[in-house]
C-alpha atoms as a PDB file:
ATOM      1  CA  MET A   1      55.905 -13.868 -44.091  1.00  0.00           C
ATOM      2  CA  THR A   2      52.367 -13.814 -42.681  1.00  0.00           C
ATOM      3  CA  LYS A   3      50.824 -10.525 -41.743  1.00  0.00           C
ATOM      4  CA  PRO A   4      47.976 -11.474 -39.375  1.00  0.00           C
ATOM      5  CA  HIS A   5      46.807  -7.887 -39.053  1.00  0.00           C
ATOM      6  CA  LEU A   6      45.902  -8.014 -42.753  1.00  0.00           C
ATOM      7  CA  THR A   7      43.469 -10.905 -42.408  1.00  0.00           C
ATOM      8  CA  ARG A   8      40.619  -8.437 -42.067  1.00  0.00           C
ATOM      9  CA  ALA A   9      41.830  -6.311 -44.964  1.00  0.00           C
ATOM     10  CA  VAL A  10      41.931  -9.125 -47.529  1.00  0.00           C
ATOM     11  CA  PRO A  11      38.158  -9.873 -47.483  1.00  0.00           C
ATOM     12  CA  ALA A  12      37.451  -6.146 -47.706  1.00  0.00           C
ATOM     13  CA  LEU A  13      39.779  -5.823 -50.705  1.00  0.00           C
ATOM     14  CA  LEU A  14      38.114  -8.782 -52.403  1.00  0.00           C
ATOM     15  CA  ALA A  15      34.696  -7.248 -51.838  1.00  0.00           C
ATOM     16  CA  LEU A  16      35.969  -3.960 -53.262  1.00  0.00           C
ATOM     17  CA  ALA A  17      37.392  -5.749 -56.308  1.00  0.00           C
ATOM     18  CA  LEU A  18      34.103  -7.514 -56.946  1.00  0.00           C
ATOM     19  CA  SER A  19      32.084  -4.321 -56.627  1.00  0.00           C
ATOM     20  CA  ILE A  20      34.458  -2.547 -58.994  1.00  0.00           C
ATOM     21  CA  SER A  21      34.275  -5.456 -61.413  1.00  0.00           C
ATOM     22  CA  HIS A  22      30.511  -5.272 -61.596  1.00  0.00           C
ATOM     23  CA  ALA A  23      30.638  -1.519 -62.165  1.00  0.00           C
ATOM     24  CA  ALA A  24      33.241  -2.029 -64.886  1.00  0.00           C
ATOM     25  CA  GLU A  25      31.191  -4.809 -66.414  1.00  0.00           C
ATOM     26  CA  ASN A  26      28.133  -2.569 -66.598  1.00  0.00           C
ATOM     27  CA  LYS A  27      30.170   0.261 -68.095  1.00  0.00           C
ATOM     28  CA  PHE A  28      32.414  -1.626 -70.499  1.00  0.00           C
ATOM     29  CA  MET A  29      30.898  -4.918 -71.539  1.00  0.00           C
ATOM     30  CA  ASP A  30      29.381  -4.791 -75.005  1.00  0.00           C
ATOM     31  CA  ASN A  31      27.265  -7.872 -74.467  1.00  0.00           C
ATOM     32  CA  ASP A  32      23.634  -6.798 -74.825  1.00  0.00           C
ATOM     33  CA  THR A  33      22.291 -10.267 -74.128  1.00  0.00           C
ATOM     34  CA  PRO A  34      20.651 -10.243 -70.701  1.00  0.00           C
ATOM     35  CA  ALA A  35      20.734 -13.245 -68.424  1.00  0.00           C
ATOM     36  CA  SER A  36      17.763 -15.475 -69.068  1.00  0.00           C
ATOM     37  CA  PRO A  37      16.053 -18.368 -67.318  1.00  0.00           C
ATOM     38  CA  SER A  38      17.536 -20.671 -69.963  1.00  0.00           C
ATOM     39  CA  SER A  39      21.090 -19.708 -68.979  1.00  0.00           C
ATOM     40  CA  PRO A  40      22.860 -22.869 -67.815  1.00  0.00           C
ATOM     41  CA  SER A  41      24.336 -21.287 -64.698  1.00  0.00           C
ATOM     42  CA  PRO A  42      24.882 -17.902 -63.079  1.00  0.00           C
ATOM     43  CA  ILE A  43      28.045 -15.979 -63.846  1.00  0.00           C
ATOM     44  CA  SER A  44      30.794 -16.557 -61.293  1.00  0.00           C
ATOM     45  CA  GLY A  45      32.958 -13.754 -59.900  1.00  0.00           C
ATOM     46  CA  ALA A  46      35.826 -14.596 -62.236  1.00  0.00           C
ATOM     47  CA  GLN A  47      33.513 -14.814 -65.253  1.00  0.00           C
ATOM     48  CA  SER A  48      32.401 -11.236 -64.651  1.00  0.00           C
ATOM     49  CA  PHE A  49      35.860 -10.211 -65.891  1.00  0.00           C
ATOM     50  CA  ALA A  50      35.503 -12.106 -69.179  1.00  0.00           C
ATOM     51  CA  LEU A  51      36.285 -10.301 -72.411  1.00  0.00           C
ATOM     52  CA  THR A  52      35.895 -11.386 -75.998  1.00  0.00           C
ATOM     53  CA  ASP A  53      38.899 -11.241 -78.313  1.00  0.00           C
ATOM     54  CA  GLU A  54      37.426  -8.109 -79.875  1.00  0.00           C
ATOM     55  CA  GLN A  55      36.963  -6.457 -76.489  1.00  0.00           C
ATOM     56  CA  ARG A  56      40.519  -7.308 -75.432  1.00  0.00           C
ATOM     57  CA  THR A  57      41.858  -5.822 -78.651  1.00  0.00           C
ATOM     58  CA  ALA A  58      39.765  -2.671 -78.219  1.00  0.00           C
ATOM     59  CA  PHE A  59      40.725  -2.260 -74.558  1.00  0.00           C
ATOM     60  CA  ALA A  60      44.401  -2.769 -75.381  1.00  0.00           C
ATOM     61  CA  ALA A  61      44.282  -0.085 -78.077  1.00  0.00           C
ATOM     62  CA  LYS A  62      42.522   2.329 -75.714  1.00  0.00           C
ATOM     63  CA  ALA A  63      44.923   1.525 -72.874  1.00  0.00           C
ATOM     64  CA  GLU A  64      47.970   2.076 -75.080  1.00  0.00           C
ATOM     65  CA  ALA A  65      46.436   5.431 -76.044  1.00  0.00           C
ATOM     66  CA  GLY A  66      46.239   6.437 -72.372  1.00  0.00           C
ATOM     67  CA  ASP A  67      42.799   5.233 -71.249  1.00  0.00           C
ATOM     68  CA  THR A  68      43.453   4.149 -67.666  1.00  0.00           C
ATOM     69  CA  GLU A  69      40.023   2.517 -67.226  1.00  0.00           C
ATOM     70  CA  SER A  70      40.757   0.204 -70.163  1.00  0.00           C
ATOM     71  CA  ALA A  71      44.180  -0.658 -68.751  1.00  0.00           C
ATOM     72  CA  PHE A  72      42.630  -1.352 -65.352  1.00  0.00           C
ATOM     73  CA  ARG A  73      39.922  -3.529 -66.929  1.00  0.00           C
ATOM     74  CA  LEU A  74      42.594  -5.567 -68.721  1.00  0.00           C
ATOM     75  CA  SER A  75      44.487  -5.986 -65.449  1.00  0.00           C
ATOM     76  CA  GLN A  76      41.326  -7.433 -63.912  1.00  0.00           C
ATOM     77  CA  TYR A  77      40.801  -9.749 -66.877  1.00  0.00           C
ATOM     78  CA  TYR A  78      44.326 -11.140 -66.724  1.00  0.00           C
ATOM     79  CA  GLY A  79      44.526 -11.247 -62.935  1.00  0.00           C
ATOM     80  CA  PHE A  80      41.164 -12.713 -62.018  1.00  0.00           C
ATOM     81  CA  LEU A  81      40.160 -14.767 -65.044  1.00  0.00           C
ATOM     82  CA  HIS A  82      43.397 -15.986 -66.596  1.00  0.00           C
ATOM     83  CA  GLN A  83      45.763 -15.631 -63.653  1.00  0.00           C
ATOM     84  CA  ASP A  84      48.439 -14.364 -66.029  1.00  0.00           C
ATOM     85  CA  TYR A  85      50.212 -12.206 -63.489  1.00  0.00           C
ATOM     86  CA  ALA A  86      52.796 -10.809 -65.900  1.00  0.00           C
ATOM     87  CA  GLN A  87      50.017  -9.417 -68.118  1.00  0.00           C
ATOM     88  CA  GLN A  88      48.009  -8.369 -65.073  1.00  0.00           C
ATOM     89  CA  ARG A  89      50.960  -6.417 -63.682  1.00  0.00           C
ATOM     90  CA  HIS A  90      51.694  -4.880 -67.098  1.00  0.00           C
ATOM     91  CA  TRP A  91      48.199  -3.410 -67.479  1.00  0.00           C
ATOM     92  CA  LEU A  92      47.937  -2.513 -63.789  1.00  0.00           C
ATOM     93  CA  SER A  93      51.204  -0.565 -64.049  1.00  0.00           C
ATOM     94  CA  ILE A  94      49.955   1.319 -67.109  1.00  0.00           C
ATOM     95  CA  ALA A  95      46.752   2.261 -65.280  1.00  0.00           C
ATOM     96  CA  ALA A  96      48.675   3.277 -62.142  1.00  0.00           C
ATOM     97  CA  LYS A  97      51.180   5.384 -64.083  1.00  0.00           C
ATOM     98  CA  GLY A  98      48.232   7.079 -65.791  1.00  0.00           C
ATOM     99  CA  GLY A  99      46.821   8.189 -62.429  1.00  0.00           C
ATOM    100  CA  HIS A 100      44.119   5.543 -61.820  1.00  0.00           C
ATOM    101  CA  ALA A 101      43.775   5.679 -58.023  1.00  0.00           C
ATOM    102  CA  VAL A 102      42.429   2.144 -57.535  1.00  0.00           C
ATOM    103  CA  ALA A 103      45.135   0.719 -59.812  1.00  0.00           C
ATOM    104  CA  GLN A 104      47.728   2.620 -57.785  1.00  0.00           C
ATOM    105  CA  HIS A 105      46.337   1.134 -54.573  1.00  0.00           C
ATOM    106  CA  ASN A 106      46.261  -2.378 -56.032  1.00  0.00           C
ATOM    107  CA  LEU A 107      49.800  -2.041 -57.354  1.00  0.00           C
ATOM    108  CA  ALA A 108      50.979  -0.804 -53.945  1.00  0.00           C
ATOM    109  CA  TYR A 109      49.312  -3.789 -52.301  1.00  0.00           C
ATOM    110  CA  GLN A 110      50.943  -6.237 -54.726  1.00  0.00           C
ATOM    111  CA  LEU A 111      54.357  -4.662 -54.331  1.00  0.00           C
ATOM    112  CA  TYR A 112      54.008  -4.838 -50.554  1.00  0.00           C
ATOM    113  CA  MET A 113      52.483  -8.287 -50.124  1.00  0.00           C
ATOM    114  CA  LYS A 114      53.847 -10.217 -53.089  1.00  0.00           C
ATOM    115  CA  ASP A 115      57.154  -8.565 -53.948  1.00  0.00           C
ATOM    116  CA  GLN A 116      57.992  -7.122 -50.523  1.00  0.00           C
ATOM    117  CA  ASP A 117      59.078  -3.944 -52.332  1.00  0.00           C
ATOM    118  CA  LEU A 118      58.473  -1.457 -49.529  1.00  0.00           C
ATOM    119  CA  GLU A 119      59.762   1.561 -51.455  1.00  0.00           C
ATOM    120  CA  GLY A 120      57.632   0.912 -54.527  1.00  0.00           C
ATOM    121  CA  ALA A 121      54.625   0.049 -52.387  1.00  0.00           C
ATOM    122  CA  ALA A 122      54.966   3.267 -50.376  1.00  0.00           C
ATOM    123  CA  HIS A 123      55.250   5.301 -53.578  1.00  0.00           C
ATOM    124  CA  TRP A 124      52.082   3.899 -55.160  1.00  0.00           C
ATOM    125  CA  ALA A 125      50.054   3.964 -51.933  1.00  0.00           C
ATOM    126  CA  SER A 126      51.013   7.618 -51.528  1.00  0.00           C
ATOM    127  CA  GLU A 127      50.034   8.375 -55.139  1.00  0.00           C
ATOM    128  CA  SER A 128      46.704   6.604 -54.669  1.00  0.00           C
ATOM    129  CA  LEU A 129      46.020   8.631 -51.542  1.00  0.00           C
ATOM    130  CA  LYS A 130      46.931  11.862 -53.380  1.00  0.00           C
ATOM    131  CA  ASN A 131      44.488  10.896 -56.130  1.00  0.00           C
ATOM    132  CA  GLY A 132      41.596  10.618 -53.703  1.00  0.00           C
ATOM    133  CA  ASN A 133      41.576   6.960 -52.674  1.00  0.00           C
ATOM    134  CA  SER A 134      41.112   7.248 -48.915  1.00  0.00           C
ATOM    135  CA  ASN A 135      41.550   3.460 -48.538  1.00  0.00           C
ATOM    136  CA  ALA A 136      45.198   3.924 -49.460  1.00  0.00           C
ATOM    137  CA  GLY A 137      45.821   5.731 -46.162  1.00  0.00           C
ATOM    138  CA  ASP A 138      45.567   2.557 -44.084  1.00  0.00           C
ATOM    139  CA  LEU A 139      47.745   0.650 -46.530  1.00  0.00           C
ATOM    140  CA  LEU A 140      50.326   3.430 -46.495  1.00  0.00           C
ATOM    141  CA  LYS A 141      50.430   3.395 -42.674  1.00  0.00           C
ATOM    142  CA  GLU A 142      51.007  -0.337 -42.718  1.00  0.00           C
ATOM    143  CA  ILE A 143      53.743  -0.060 -45.343  1.00  0.00           C
ATOM    144  CA  GLU A 144      55.434   2.742 -43.411  1.00  0.00           C
ATOM    145  CA  ALA A 145      55.360   0.615 -40.244  1.00  0.00           C
ATOM    146  CA  ALA A 146      57.005  -2.232 -42.170  1.00  0.00           C
ATOM    147  CA  ARG A 147      59.578   0.178 -43.595  1.00  0.00           C
ATOM    148  CA  SER A 148      60.356   1.464 -40.106  1.00  0.00           C
ATOM    149  CA  ALA A 149      60.671  -2.080 -38.736  1.00  0.00           C
ATOM    150  CA  ALA A 150      63.077  -2.868 -41.586  1.00  0.00           C
ATOM    151  CA  GLY A 151      65.218   0.136 -40.660  1.00  0.00           C
ATOM    152  CA  HIS A 152      64.203   2.432 -43.523  1.00  0.00           C
ATOM    153  CA  LYS A 153      64.095   6.166 -42.948  1.00  0.00           C
ATOM    154  CA  PRO A 154      60.662   7.846 -43.013  1.00  0.00           C
ATOM    155  CA  ARG A 155      59.564   9.125 -46.403  1.00  0.00           C
ATOM    156  CA  PRO A 156      59.269  12.897 -46.821  1.00  0.00           C
END
């Protein structure tokens, strides 16, 4: 099912994801080697999510201990670099359940667009909005319109 009114939202979400990825890279990457003129090529968008085995292990341990930023970073790694959507969803869900507002928004978007789970999508968009992500408001309105069109009762 195509949602033409979302065609403007997708590029904005991709831009947001890339900006977040670069912030996460600066905060979390342990690679102290700066780019140099001898580098064979610039880093692509997907490569900015790269993690070493040691970093993945460390992030996983932190995420399992409740660090939502680590869980979110792993969701980016698996979603953008490896396209392992089961792992991506696993870590995204951990981050969302821990209160990570961007993870909640992204999970809501996936539930809405990919799974067509309007109830789950509405829940996570609402949580994201409650946690200060103002971008979730537009997504929530869109989900609620889809719920209404599908005959669902308005959420409290």
